[in-house]
Every structure is written in C-alpha cells, then in structure tokens.
Amino acid sequence: MMTTLFFDGLMRRGAAPRASCDPLAWARRFARTRRDCRHLEDLPDYLLDDIGLTRSEIRSVRRERH
C-alpha cells in the first residue's frame, strides 16, 4: 500500500498545476509523501531492488515534493 501512494505521486509529477491552492490538501499531500518516503527509506536494499526503486529516487521525490 505504501508503494502505491509513492508511485501515485511519481505518476503525477508531470501533471499540470492545479488552479486552486487548498492549504489543507497541500498539508495532507506533504504528510503522506513524507510518511511514504520514511517507510520506503526503512526498507532494505534488496526489497527496494525488488520493487525497482533506488534510495536516490526516493530522495529526489522527497526533495521535489517539499
């Protein structure tokens, strides 16, 4: 489930910016991304390999989203 949310964020990376800036939605998205990145960073390297991620990809998504 955690990787689903992470990949969902990756898929939307190229999406057009939203017209309205909802601070509550932004805060929820921020918290979810942070939580998902923490969970992924805690995984051992062999599991990240299995799902096709590297630690640098996790860090880059975290930097982009914050």
Foldseek 3Di string as FASTA:
>chain_A
DLVVLVVVLVVCPPPDDDPDDDPVVLVVNLVSLVVSLVVVVPDDPVVCVVVVHDNVVSVVSNVVSD
